[in-house]
Structures are given as structure tokens and as C-alpha cells.
PDB file of all heavy atoms in Angstrom:
ATOM      1  N   THR A   1       0.840  -1.193   0.042  1.00  0.00           N
ATOM      2  CA  THR A   1       0.000  -0.019   0.001  1.00  0.00           C
ATOM      3  C   THR A   1       0.834   1.191  -0.016  1.00  0.00           C
ATOM      4  O   THR A   1       1.863   1.316   0.716  1.00  0.00           O
ATOM      5  CB  THR A   1      -0.980  -0.018   1.207  1.00  0.00           C
ATOM      6  OG1 THR A   1      -1.716  -1.159   1.127  1.00  0.00           O
ATOM      7  CG2 THR A   1      -1.867   1.266   1.221  1.00  0.00           C
ATOM      8  N   VAL A   2       0.417   2.254  -0.733  1.00  0.00           N
ATOM      9  CA  VAL A   2       1.038   3.563  -0.739  1.00  0.00           C
ATOM     10  C   VAL A   2       0.038   4.568  -0.231  1.00  0.00           C
ATOM     11  O   VAL A   2      -1.170   4.446  -0.452  1.00  0.00           O
ATOM     12  CB  VAL A   2       1.414   3.955  -2.142  1.00  0.00           C
ATOM     13  CG1 VAL A   2       1.857   5.434  -2.238  1.00  0.00           C
ATOM     14  CG2 VAL A   2       2.581   3.174  -2.694  1.00  0.00           C
ATOM     15  N   TYR A   3       0.454   5.404   0.574  1.00  0.00           N
ATOM     16  CA  TYR A   3      -0.435   6.456   1.239  1.00  0.00           C
ATOM     17  C   TYR A   3      -0.108   7.850   0.771  1.00  0.00           C
ATOM     18  O   TYR A   3       0.990   8.176   0.474  1.00  0.00           O
ATOM     19  CB  TYR A   3      -0.267   6.385   2.741  1.00  0.00           C
ATOM     20  CG  TYR A   3      -0.563   4.988   3.380  1.00  0.00           C
ATOM     21  CD1 TYR A   3       0.502   4.163   3.685  1.00  0.00           C
ATOM     22  CD2 TYR A   3      -1.812   4.570   3.553  1.00  0.00           C
ATOM     23  CE1 TYR A   3       0.238   2.872   4.184  1.00  0.00           C
ATOM     24  CE2 TYR A   3      -2.111   3.277   4.074  1.00  0.00           C
ATOM     25  CZ  TYR A   3      -0.991   2.462   4.341  1.00  0.00           C
ATOM     26  OH  TYR A   3      -1.209   1.220   4.962  1.00  0.00           O
ATOM     27  N   LEU A   4      -1.085   8.669   0.772  1.00  0.00           N
ATOM     28  CA  LEU A   4      -0.938  10.183   0.502  1.00  0.00           C
ATOM     29  C   LEU A   4      -1.661  10.838   1.730  1.00  0.00           C
ATOM     30  O   LEU A   4      -2.881  10.859   1.735  1.00  0.00           O
ATOM     31  CB  LEU A   4      -1.469  10.580  -0.730  1.00  0.00           C
ATOM     32  CG  LEU A   4      -1.217  12.018  -1.115  1.00  0.00           C
ATOM     33  CD1 LEU A   4       0.274  12.269  -1.397  1.00  0.00           C
ATOM     34  CD2 LEU A   4      -1.994  12.426  -2.377  1.00  0.00           C
ATOM     35  N   GLN A   5      -0.837  11.312   2.626  1.00  0.00           N
ATOM     36  CA  GLN A   5      -1.472  12.081   3.722  1.00  0.00           C
ATOM     37  C   GLN A   5      -1.546  13.470   3.322  1.00  0.00           C
ATOM     38  O   GLN A   5      -0.558  14.166   2.967  1.00  0.00           O
ATOM     39  CB  GLN A   5      -0.474  11.966   4.972  1.00  0.00           C
ATOM     40  CG  GLN A   5      -0.941  12.815   6.173  1.00  0.00           C
ATOM     41  CD  GLN A   5      -2.242  12.292   6.740  1.00  0.00           C
ATOM     42  OE1 GLN A   5      -2.457  11.158   6.917  1.00  0.00           O
ATOM     43  NE2 GLN A   5      -3.181  13.233   7.092  1.00  0.00           N
ATOM     44  N   MET A   6      -2.749  13.948   3.377  1.00  0.00           N
ATOM     45  CA  MET A   6      -3.000  15.442   2.856  1.00  0.00           C
ATOM     46  C   MET A   6      -3.447  16.248   3.997  1.00  0.00           C
ATOM     47  O   MET A   6      -4.506  15.986   4.694  1.00  0.00           O
ATOM     48  CB  MET A   6      -4.084  15.398   1.792  1.00  0.00           C
ATOM     49  CG  MET A   6      -3.714  14.426   0.686  1.00  0.00           C
ATOM     50  SD  MET A   6      -4.895  14.497  -0.714  1.00  0.00           S
ATOM     51  CE  MET A   6      -6.402  13.982   0.040  1.00  0.00           C
ATOM     52  N   ASN A   7      -2.733  17.310   4.395  1.00  0.00           N
ATOM     53  CA  ASN A   7      -3.050  18.208   5.436  1.00  0.00           C
ATOM     54  C   ASN A   7      -3.203  19.577   4.953  1.00  0.00           C
ATOM     55  O   ASN A   7      -2.861  19.923   3.882  1.00  0.00           O
ATOM     56  CB  ASN A   7      -1.813  18.208   6.477  1.00  0.00           C
ATOM     57  CG  ASN A   7      -1.689  16.765   7.163  1.00  0.00           C
ATOM     58  OD1 ASN A   7      -2.545  16.021   7.387  1.00  0.00           O
ATOM     59  ND2 ASN A   7      -0.364  16.531   7.504  1.00  0.00           N
ATOM     60  N   SER A   8      -3.886  20.380   5.795  1.00  0.00           N
ATOM     61  CA  SER A   8      -4.065  21.850   5.455  1.00  0.00           C
ATOM     62  C   SER A   8      -4.700  21.954   3.990  1.00  0.00           C
ATOM     63  O   SER A   8      -4.305  22.697   3.226  1.00  0.00           O
ATOM     64  CB  SER A   8      -2.780  22.688   5.417  1.00  0.00           C
ATOM     65  OG  SER A   8      -2.165  22.595   6.710  1.00  0.00           O
ATOM     66  N   LEU A   9      -5.731  21.072   3.767  1.00  0.00           N
ATOM     67  CA  LEU A   9      -6.351  21.061   2.499  1.00  0.00           C
ATOM     68  C   LEU A   9      -7.007  22.401   2.162  1.00  0.00           C
ATOM     69  O   LEU A   9      -7.607  23.168   2.961  1.00  0.00           O
ATOM     70  CB  LEU A   9      -7.397  19.940   2.502  1.00  0.00           C
ATOM     71  CG  LEU A   9      -6.718  18.567   2.345  1.00  0.00           C
ATOM     72  CD1 LEU A   9      -7.771  17.468   2.783  1.00  0.00           C
ATOM     73  CD2 LEU A   9      -6.342  18.294   0.823  1.00  0.00           C
ATOM     74  N   LYS A  10      -7.046  22.677   0.834  1.00  0.00           N
ATOM     75  CA  LYS A  10      -7.581  23.976   0.281  1.00  0.00           C
ATOM     76  C   LYS A  10      -8.640  23.514  -0.754  1.00  0.00           C
ATOM     77  O   LYS A  10      -8.633  22.517  -1.287  1.00  0.00           O
ATOM     78  CB  LYS A  10      -6.426  24.704  -0.391  1.00  0.00           C
ATOM     79  CG  LYS A  10      -5.222  25.044   0.467  1.00  0.00           C
ATOM     80  CD  LYS A  10      -4.210  25.699  -0.355  1.00  0.00           C
ATOM     81  CE  LYS A  10      -2.986  26.057   0.518  1.00  0.00           C
ATOM     82  NZ  LYS A  10      -1.892  26.659  -0.265  1.00  0.00           N
ATOM     83  N   PRO A  11      -9.540  24.486  -1.021  1.00  0.00           N
ATOM     84  CA  PRO A  11     -10.515  24.154  -1.997  1.00  0.00           C
ATOM     85  C   PRO A  11      -9.949  23.814  -3.464  1.00  0.00           C
ATOM     86  O   PRO A  11     -10.566  23.017  -4.136  1.00  0.00           O
ATOM     87  CB  PRO A  11     -11.396  25.464  -2.083  1.00  0.00           C
ATOM     88  CG  PRO A  11     -11.245  26.053  -0.729  1.00  0.00           C
ATOM     89  CD  PRO A  11      -9.877  25.720  -0.267  1.00  0.00           C
ATOM     90  N   GLU A  12      -8.808  24.386  -3.720  1.00  0.00           N
ATOM     91  CA  GLU A  12      -8.148  24.091  -4.981  1.00  0.00           C
ATOM     92  C   GLU A  12      -7.569  22.710  -5.012  1.00  0.00           C
ATOM     93  O   GLU A  12      -7.087  22.259  -6.068  1.00  0.00           O
ATOM     94  CB  GLU A  12      -7.117  25.150  -5.317  1.00  0.00           C
ATOM     95  CG  GLU A  12      -6.106  25.390  -4.251  1.00  0.00           C
ATOM     96  CD  GLU A  12      -6.502  26.581  -3.430  1.00  0.00           C
ATOM     97  OE1 GLU A  12      -7.623  26.774  -3.047  1.00  0.00           O
ATOM     98  OE2 GLU A  12      -5.514  27.333  -3.101  1.00  0.00           O
ATOM     99  N   ASP A  13      -7.564  21.955  -3.927  1.00  0.00           N
ATOM    100  CA  ASP A  13      -7.128  20.538  -3.932  1.00  0.00           C
ATOM    101  C   ASP A  13      -8.279  19.611  -4.384  1.00  0.00           C
ATOM    102  O   ASP A  13      -8.058  18.435  -4.512  1.00  0.00           O
ATOM    103  CB  ASP A  13      -6.662  20.176  -2.502  1.00  0.00           C
ATOM    104  CG  ASP A  13      -5.433  20.864  -2.117  1.00  0.00           C
ATOM    105  OD1 ASP A  13      -4.519  21.046  -2.892  1.00  0.00           O
ATOM    106  OD2 ASP A  13      -5.381  21.213  -0.867  1.00  0.00           O
ATOM    107  N   THR A  14      -9.445  20.210  -4.546  1.00  0.00           N
ATOM    108  CA  THR A  14     -10.599  19.355  -5.012  1.00  0.00           C
ATOM    109  C   THR A  14     -10.336  18.699  -6.276  1.00  0.00           C
ATOM    110  O   THR A  14     -10.031  19.494  -7.323  1.00  0.00           O
ATOM    111  CB  THR A  14     -11.891  20.281  -5.059  1.00  0.00           C
ATOM    112  OG1 THR A  14     -12.189  20.614  -3.711  1.00  0.00           O
ATOM    113  CG2 THR A  14     -13.006  19.417  -5.683  1.00  0.00           C
ATOM    114  N   ALA A  15     -10.391  17.407  -6.472  1.00  0.00           N
ATOM    115  CA  ALA A  15     -10.127  16.694  -7.706  1.00  0.00           C
ATOM    116  C   ALA A  15     -10.446  15.202  -7.423  1.00  0.00           C
ATOM    117  O   ALA A  15     -10.653  14.766  -6.268  1.00  0.00           O
ATOM    118  CB  ALA A  15      -8.678  16.893  -8.123  1.00  0.00           C
ATOM    119  N   VAL A  16     -10.378  14.475  -8.517  1.00  0.00           N
ATOM    120  CA  VAL A  16     -10.263  13.012  -8.438  1.00  0.00           C
ATOM    121  C   VAL A  16      -8.759  12.640  -8.409  1.00  0.00           C
ATOM    122  O   VAL A  16      -8.020  13.147  -9.240  1.00  0.00           O
ATOM    123  CB  VAL A  16     -10.931  12.351  -9.695  1.00  0.00           C
ATOM    124  CG1 VAL A  16     -10.750  10.784  -9.525  1.00  0.00           C
ATOM    125  CG2 VAL A  16     -12.385  12.711  -9.735  1.00  0.00           C
ATOM    126  N   TYR A  17      -8.447  11.862  -7.335  1.00  0.00           N
ATOM    127  CA  TYR A  17      -7.038  11.556  -7.134  1.00  0.00           C
ATOM    128  C   TYR A  17      -6.782  10.104  -7.687  1.00  0.00           C
ATOM    129  O   TYR A  17      -7.557   9.212  -7.243  1.00  0.00           O
ATOM    130  CB  TYR A  17      -6.687  11.661  -5.668  1.00  0.00           C
ATOM    131  CG  TYR A  17      -6.483  13.121  -5.268  1.00  0.00           C
ATOM    132  CD1 TYR A  17      -7.514  13.935  -5.176  1.00  0.00           C
ATOM    133  CD2 TYR A  17      -5.150  13.548  -4.964  1.00  0.00           C
ATOM    134  CE1 TYR A  17      -7.318  15.291  -4.809  1.00  0.00           C
ATOM    135  CE2 TYR A  17      -4.955  14.859  -4.604  1.00  0.00           C
ATOM    136  CZ  TYR A  17      -6.026  15.736  -4.563  1.00  0.00           C
ATOM    137  OH  TYR A  17      -5.857  17.050  -4.187  1.00  0.00           O
ATOM    138  N   TYR A  18      -5.684   9.883  -8.436  1.00  0.00           N
ATOM    139  CA  TYR A  18      -5.417   8.629  -8.985  1.00  0.00           C
ATOM    140  C   TYR A  18      -3.961   8.216  -8.551  1.00  0.00           C
ATOM    141  O   TYR A  18      -3.085   9.040  -8.461  1.00  0.00           O
ATOM    142  CB  TYR A  18      -5.323   8.697 -10.510  1.00  0.00           C
ATOM    143  CG  TYR A  18      -6.634   9.081 -11.171  1.00  0.00           C
ATOM    144  CD1 TYR A  18      -6.984  10.449 -11.386  1.00  0.00           C
ATOM    145  CD2 TYR A  18      -7.526   8.166 -11.623  1.00  0.00           C
ATOM    146  CE1 TYR A  18      -8.155  10.779 -12.029  1.00  0.00           C
ATOM    147  CE2 TYR A  18      -8.763   8.407 -12.172  1.00  0.00           C
ATOM    148  CZ  TYR A  18      -8.988   9.769 -12.383  1.00  0.00           C
ATOM    149  OH  TYR A  18     -10.238  10.187 -12.948  1.00  0.00           O
ATOM    150  N   CYS A  19      -3.856   6.895  -8.272  1.00  0.00           N
ATOM    151  CA  CYS A  19      -2.436   6.436  -8.070  1.00  0.00           C
ATOM    152  C   CYS A  19      -2.111   5.633  -9.305  1.00  0.00           C
ATOM    153  O   CYS A  19      -3.003   5.163 -10.055  1.00  0.00           O
ATOM    154  CB  CYS A  19      -2.316   5.536  -6.857  1.00  0.00           C
ATOM    155  SG  CYS A  19      -3.209   4.056  -6.778  1.00  0.00           S
ATOM    156  N   ALA A  20      -0.803   5.619  -9.591  1.00  0.00           N
ATOM    157  CA  ALA A  20      -0.320   4.915 -10.811  1.00  0.00           C
ATOM    158  C   ALA A  20       1.033   4.322 -10.495  1.00  0.00           C
ATOM    159  O   ALA A  20       1.795   4.732  -9.646  1.00  0.00           O
ATOM    160  CB  ALA A  20      -0.091   6.005 -11.938  1.00  0.00           C
ATOM    161  N   ALA A  21       1.333   3.187 -11.293  1.00  0.00           N
ATOM    162  CA  ALA A  21       2.507   2.379 -11.083  1.00  0.00           C
ATOM    163  C   ALA A  21       3.448   2.517 -12.289  1.00  0.00           C
ATOM    164  O   ALA A  21       2.962   2.394 -13.401  1.00  0.00           O
ATOM    165  CB  ALA A  21       2.220   0.935 -10.807  1.00  0.00           C
ATOM    166  N   ASP A  22       4.790   2.599 -12.036  1.00  0.00           N
ATOM    167  CA  ASP A  22       5.744   2.528 -13.162  1.00  0.00           C
ATOM    168  C   ASP A  22       6.680   1.387 -12.812  1.00  0.00           C
ATOM    169  O   ASP A  22       7.391   1.468 -11.819  1.00  0.00           O
ATOM    170  CB  ASP A  22       6.515   3.956 -13.130  1.00  0.00           C
ATOM    171  CG  ASP A  22       7.494   3.936 -14.317  1.00  0.00           C
ATOM    172  OD1 ASP A  22       8.181   2.954 -14.554  1.00  0.00           O
ATOM    173  OD2 ASP A  22       7.682   5.095 -14.882  1.00  0.00           O
ATOM    174  N   LEU A  23       6.844   0.547 -13.726  1.00  0.00           N
ATOM    175  CA  LEU A  23       7.575  -0.737 -13.490  1.00  0.00           C
ATOM    176  C   LEU A  23       9.005  -0.640 -14.087  1.00  0.00           C
ATOM    177  O   LEU A  23       9.766  -1.624 -14.018  1.00  0.00           O
ATOM    178  CB  LEU A  23       6.905  -1.959 -14.059  1.00  0.00           C
ATOM    179  CG  LEU A  23       5.860  -2.584 -13.169  1.00  0.00           C
ATOM    180  CD1 LEU A  23       4.630  -1.672 -13.024  1.00  0.00           C
ATOM    181  CD2 LEU A  23       5.395  -3.909 -13.760  1.00  0.00           C
ATOM    182  N   THR A  24       9.342   0.494 -14.661  1.00  0.00           N
ATOM    183  CA  THR A  24      10.548   0.606 -15.432  1.00  0.00           C
ATOM    184  C   THR A  24      11.728   1.251 -14.781  1.00  0.00           C
ATOM    185  O   THR A  24      12.859   1.252 -15.276  1.00  0.00           O
ATOM    186  CB  THR A  24      10.346   1.350 -16.711  1.00  0.00           C
ATOM    187  OG1 THR A  24      10.052   2.734 -16.489  1.00  0.00           O
ATOM    188  CG2 THR A  24       9.280   0.731 -17.539  1.00  0.00           C
ATOM    189  N   LEU A  25      11.445   1.866 -13.600  1.00  0.00           N
ATOM    190  CA  LEU A  25      12.473   2.703 -13.016  1.00  0.00           C
ATOM    191  C   LEU A  25      13.390   1.903 -12.045  1.00  0.00           C
ATOM    192  O   LEU A  25      13.071   0.778 -11.510  1.00  0.00           O
ATOM    193  CB  LEU A  25      11.791   3.719 -12.087  1.00  0.00           C
ATOM    194  CG  LEU A  25      11.014   4.807 -12.842  1.00  0.00           C
ATOM    195  CD1 LEU A  25      10.207   5.630 -11.897  1.00  0.00           C
ATOM    196  CD2 LEU A  25      11.951   5.653 -13.771  1.00  0.00           C
TER     197      LEU A  25
END
């Protein structure tokens, strides 16, 4: 699992959030 802790949120942070994987790095 990967987490994204988001603090001090602002209205401009409103969005759909996606996680993605890169297998080449």
C-alpha cells in the first residue's frame, strides 16, 4: 500500500485523485 497524507487542505485541492505504477524505474 502507498499512502498520501493530505493536510491543510484547500478548495483548490478538489479533484479526483489517482495512483499509478511505473515498473521501469
